[in-house]
Protein backbone atom coordinates (compact mmCIF):
# COMPACT_ATOMS: atom_id res chain seq x y z
CA MET A 1 -24.53 19.52 -24.18
CA GLY A 2 -21.10 19.76 -22.58
CA LYS A 3 -18.48 17.03 -22.30
CA LYS A 4 -19.41 14.30 -19.81
CA ALA A 5 -17.33 14.66 -16.67
CA ASN A 6 -15.06 11.69 -15.89
CA PHE A 7 -15.91 11.31 -12.26
CA CYS A 8 -18.58 9.70 -10.12
CA TYR A 9 -19.95 10.28 -6.65
CA ILE A 10 -20.52 7.74 -3.87
CA ASP A 11 -22.81 8.97 -1.11
CA GLY A 12 -22.13 12.54 -2.16
CA MET A 13 -18.38 11.98 -2.25
CA ILE A 14 -16.02 11.66 -5.25
CA GLY A 15 -15.58 7.92 -5.68
CA GLN A 16 -13.62 7.69 -8.91
CA LEU A 17 -11.68 9.99 -11.21
CA THR A 18 -10.36 9.43 -14.74
CA GLY A 19 -8.05 11.92 -16.43
CA GLN A 20 -4.56 12.96 -17.49
CA VAL A 21 -1.71 13.56 -15.02
CA SER A 22 -0.56 17.12 -15.62
CA HIS A 23 1.89 17.37 -12.72
CA ARG A 24 3.68 14.98 -10.37
CA GLY A 25 4.76 15.93 -6.87
CA ASP A 26 6.57 14.05 -4.11
CA ARG A 27 3.47 12.20 -2.88
CA PHE A 28 0.73 13.51 -5.15
CA VAL A 29 -0.32 14.20 -8.72
CA ILE A 30 -2.53 16.83 -10.31
CA LEU A 31 -5.13 14.94 -12.30
CA GLU A 32 -6.79 17.01 -15.03
CA VAL A 33 -10.43 16.00 -15.46
CA ALA A 34 -12.66 17.94 -17.89
CA GLY A 35 -10.50 21.08 -17.42
CA VAL A 36 -10.32 20.82 -13.62
CA GLY A 37 -7.08 19.88 -11.83
CA TYR A 38 -7.55 17.61 -8.81
CA HIS A 39 -4.80 17.32 -6.20
CA VAL A 40 -4.70 13.56 -5.52
CA ASN A 41 -2.54 12.19 -2.68
CA LEU A 42 -0.91 8.83 -3.46
CA SER A 43 1.25 6.24 -1.78
CA SER A 44 4.83 6.14 -3.09
CA GLU A 45 4.12 2.72 -4.66
CA THR A 46 1.12 4.08 -6.57
CA LEU A 47 3.11 7.12 -7.68
CA LYS A 48 5.79 4.84 -9.16
CA ARG A 49 3.14 2.96 -11.14
CA VAL A 50 1.53 6.14 -12.35
CA GLU A 51 4.87 7.42 -13.66
CA LYS A 52 4.81 4.59 -16.21
CA GLU A 53 1.33 5.46 -17.48
CA GLN A 54 1.42 7.38 -20.74
CA SER A 55 -2.35 7.50 -21.31
CA GLY A 56 -5.25 8.38 -19.00
CA VAL A 57 -5.29 7.23 -15.40
CA LYS A 58 -8.29 6.04 -13.38
CA PHE A 59 -8.22 6.37 -9.59
CA TRP A 60 -10.52 4.95 -6.96
CA THR A 61 -10.70 7.83 -4.52
CA TYR A 62 -11.35 8.67 -0.91
CA LEU A 63 -12.27 12.23 0.12
CA ALA A 64 -11.17 13.07 3.68
CA VAL A 65 -13.26 15.94 5.01
CA ARG A 66 -11.59 18.12 7.62
CA GLU A 67 -12.73 21.36 9.24
CA ASN A 68 -10.47 23.49 7.02
CA ALA A 69 -9.61 21.18 4.10
CA LEU A 70 -10.77 18.50 1.68
CA ASP A 71 -8.03 15.95 1.02
CA LEU A 72 -8.38 13.55 -1.89
CA TYR A 73 -6.55 10.19 -1.85
CA GLY A 74 -6.19 8.01 -4.96
CA PHE A 75 -5.71 4.28 -5.54
CA LEU A 76 -5.26 2.31 -8.75
CA GLU A 77 -6.96 -0.77 -7.33
CA ARG A 78 -10.18 -1.13 -5.39
CA ARG A 79 -8.51 -3.51 -2.98
CA GLU A 80 -6.01 -0.85 -1.96
CA LEU A 81 -8.79 1.65 -1.30
CA GLU A 82 -10.63 -0.90 0.85
CA PHE A 83 -7.51 -1.61 2.86
CA PHE A 84 -6.93 2.15 3.28
CA GLU A 85 -10.46 2.44 4.67
CA LEU A 86 -9.77 -0.42 7.09
CA LEU A 87 -6.60 1.29 8.30
CA ILE A 88 -8.34 4.62 9.01
CA SER A 89 -10.99 2.74 11.00
CA VAL A 90 -8.23 2.01 13.57
CA SER A 91 -8.22 4.55 16.38
CA GLY A 92 -5.32 6.94 16.00
CA ILE A 93 -4.67 6.13 12.32
CA GLY A 94 -5.67 9.01 10.06
CA PRO A 95 -5.58 9.23 6.22
CA LYS A 96 -2.03 10.62 6.17
CA SER A 97 -0.77 7.81 8.39
CA ALA A 98 -2.65 5.20 6.34
CA ILE A 99 -1.21 6.42 3.01
CA THR A 100 2.27 6.34 4.60
CA ILE A 101 1.70 2.75 5.74
CA LEU A 102 0.65 1.80 2.19
CA SER A 103 3.89 3.40 0.98
CA LEU A 104 5.83 0.98 3.17
CA ALA A 105 4.27 -2.28 2.00
CA PRO A 106 1.52 -3.46 -0.38
CA PRO A 107 -1.91 -4.45 1.03
CA GLU A 108 -1.33 -8.20 0.56
CA THR A 109 1.89 -8.07 2.65
CA LEU A 110 0.18 -6.05 5.35
CA GLU A 111 -2.82 -8.38 5.39
CA LYS A 112 -0.52 -11.38 5.75
CA ALA A 113 1.15 -9.77 8.75
CA ILE A 114 -2.09 -8.70 10.42
CA THR A 115 -3.84 -12.08 10.04
CA SER A 116 -0.83 -13.81 11.51
CA GLY A 117 -1.55 -11.88 14.71
CA ASP A 118 2.12 -11.05 15.02
CA ALA A 119 2.75 -7.34 15.54
CA GLY A 120 6.50 -7.95 15.42
CA TYR A 121 6.21 -9.42 11.96
CA LEU A 122 4.06 -6.47 10.86
CA THR A 123 6.79 -4.12 12.13
CA LYS A 124 9.46 -6.13 10.33
CA VAL A 125 7.82 -6.23 6.90
CA SER A 126 6.48 -2.68 6.89
CA GLY A 127 8.60 -0.55 9.23
CA ILE A 128 5.48 0.50 11.21
CA GLY A 129 6.24 1.37 14.85
CA LYS A 130 5.56 -1.23 17.52
CA LYS A 131 2.61 0.50 19.21
CA SER A 132 0.86 1.25 15.91
CA ALA A 133 1.47 -2.31 14.72
CA GLU A 134 -0.03 -3.78 17.89
CA LYS A 135 -3.11 -1.53 17.57
CA ILE A 136 -3.60 -2.41 13.90
CA VAL A 137 -3.32 -6.14 14.60
CA LEU A 138 -5.71 -5.95 17.51
CA GLU A 139 -8.40 -4.03 15.65
CA LEU A 140 -8.10 -5.53 12.17
CA LYS A 141 -7.25 -9.22 12.65
CA ASP A 142 -10.88 -10.35 13.00
CA LYS A 143 -12.09 -8.04 10.25
CA LEU A 144 -9.65 -9.45 7.76
CA GLY A 145 -10.17 -13.10 8.71
CA SER A 146 -7.57 -15.72 7.84
CA ILE A 147 -5.53 -16.20 4.69
CA ALA A 148 -5.78 -19.75 3.40
CA GLY A 149 -2.56 -21.72 3.31
CA LEU A 150 -0.53 -19.26 5.35
CA SER A 151 1.59 -21.11 7.88
CA ASP A 152 3.74 -19.90 10.78
CA SER A 153 6.81 -21.35 9.05
CA GLU A 154 6.11 -19.25 5.93
CA LEU A 155 5.85 -16.11 8.06
CA ARG A 156 9.06 -16.93 9.88
CA GLY A 157 10.81 -17.70 6.59
CA GLU A 158 9.91 -14.33 5.08
CA SER A 159 10.88 -12.45 8.21
CA GLU A 160 14.22 -14.32 8.44
CA ALA A 161 14.90 -13.63 4.74
CA ILE A 162 14.33 -9.88 5.33
CA GLU A 163 16.71 -9.95 8.28
CA ALA A 164 19.36 -11.79 6.24
CA LEU A 165 19.18 -9.29 3.40
CA GLN A 166 19.36 -6.38 5.81
CA ALA A 167 22.42 -8.00 7.42
CA LEU A 168 24.00 -7.93 3.94
CA GLY A 169 23.52 -4.18 3.79
CA TYR A 170 20.21 -3.83 1.93
CA SER A 171 17.46 -1.54 3.20
CA LEU A 172 14.11 -2.83 4.40
CA ARG A 173 12.45 -1.51 1.19
CA GLU A 174 15.07 -3.14 -1.05
CA ALA A 175 14.75 -6.47 0.77
CA ARG A 176 10.93 -6.40 0.67
CA GLU A 177 10.84 -5.45 -3.02
CA ALA A 178 13.26 -8.23 -3.97
CA LEU A 179 11.33 -10.84 -1.98
CA LYS A 180 8.08 -9.78 -3.64
CA ASN A 181 9.51 -11.15 -6.88
CA VAL A 182 10.50 -14.53 -5.41
CA PRO A 183 7.96 -17.24 -6.32
CA ASP A 184 5.65 -18.34 -3.44
CA THR A 185 6.65 -21.96 -4.18
CA ILE A 186 10.09 -21.23 -2.73
CA ILE A 187 9.75 -21.76 1.03
CA ASP A 188 13.32 -22.40 2.20
CA THR A 189 14.80 -19.21 3.72
CA GLY A 190 18.23 -19.71 2.16
CA GLU A 191 16.75 -20.19 -1.29
CA LYS A 192 14.53 -17.13 -0.82
CA VAL A 193 17.61 -15.02 -0.02
CA LYS A 194 19.52 -16.50 -2.95
CA GLN A 195 16.71 -15.68 -5.40
CA ALA A 196 16.27 -12.21 -3.90
CA LEU A 197 20.00 -11.49 -4.32
CA LYS A 198 19.71 -12.38 -8.00
CA LYS A 199 16.94 -9.78 -8.35
CA LEU A 200 18.96 -7.21 -6.44
CA GLY A 201 22.04 -7.91 -8.57
CA LYS A 202 20.26 -7.02 -11.83
């Protein structure tokens, strides 16, 4: 009997892969599984997390079938895969666009923006273009439902904090990353910015 392969199929597709990263590219890794190297496309956020992994990595995967190619996309968390699948259900948003969107902001931030129904806020927190943001909000708001405890003032506060940090010379990504580390209990915009600056100053 040969070695058991570390992958599984969902409806005839590869649904999960476990192996060792043998090569890292700009937006992908080569994952070696039972002697076979799989080219797995990743978001930049996932790639950062994978760089810290010294042992084996397990990806939830999505196989995009095109006329002349099979493209494999990998996610460390099931939730991220599910959000990716929601994004590609939006007309005009393909797998490459979806993985780029997930490189701009984590699923929970995007969900927050979409369920608020505010395309402008979605553009602000993720950098997604206005037309794409409006389409995503329109098609996904009802599918995602509402997020408990999320108020308009909280959304405004986060958006204003991002603007304040950008005005101080920080990029959208730097501002968003710093604010991710600010406790949710801090609601005041000024205090959010203050705490974010402490993170950025480290």
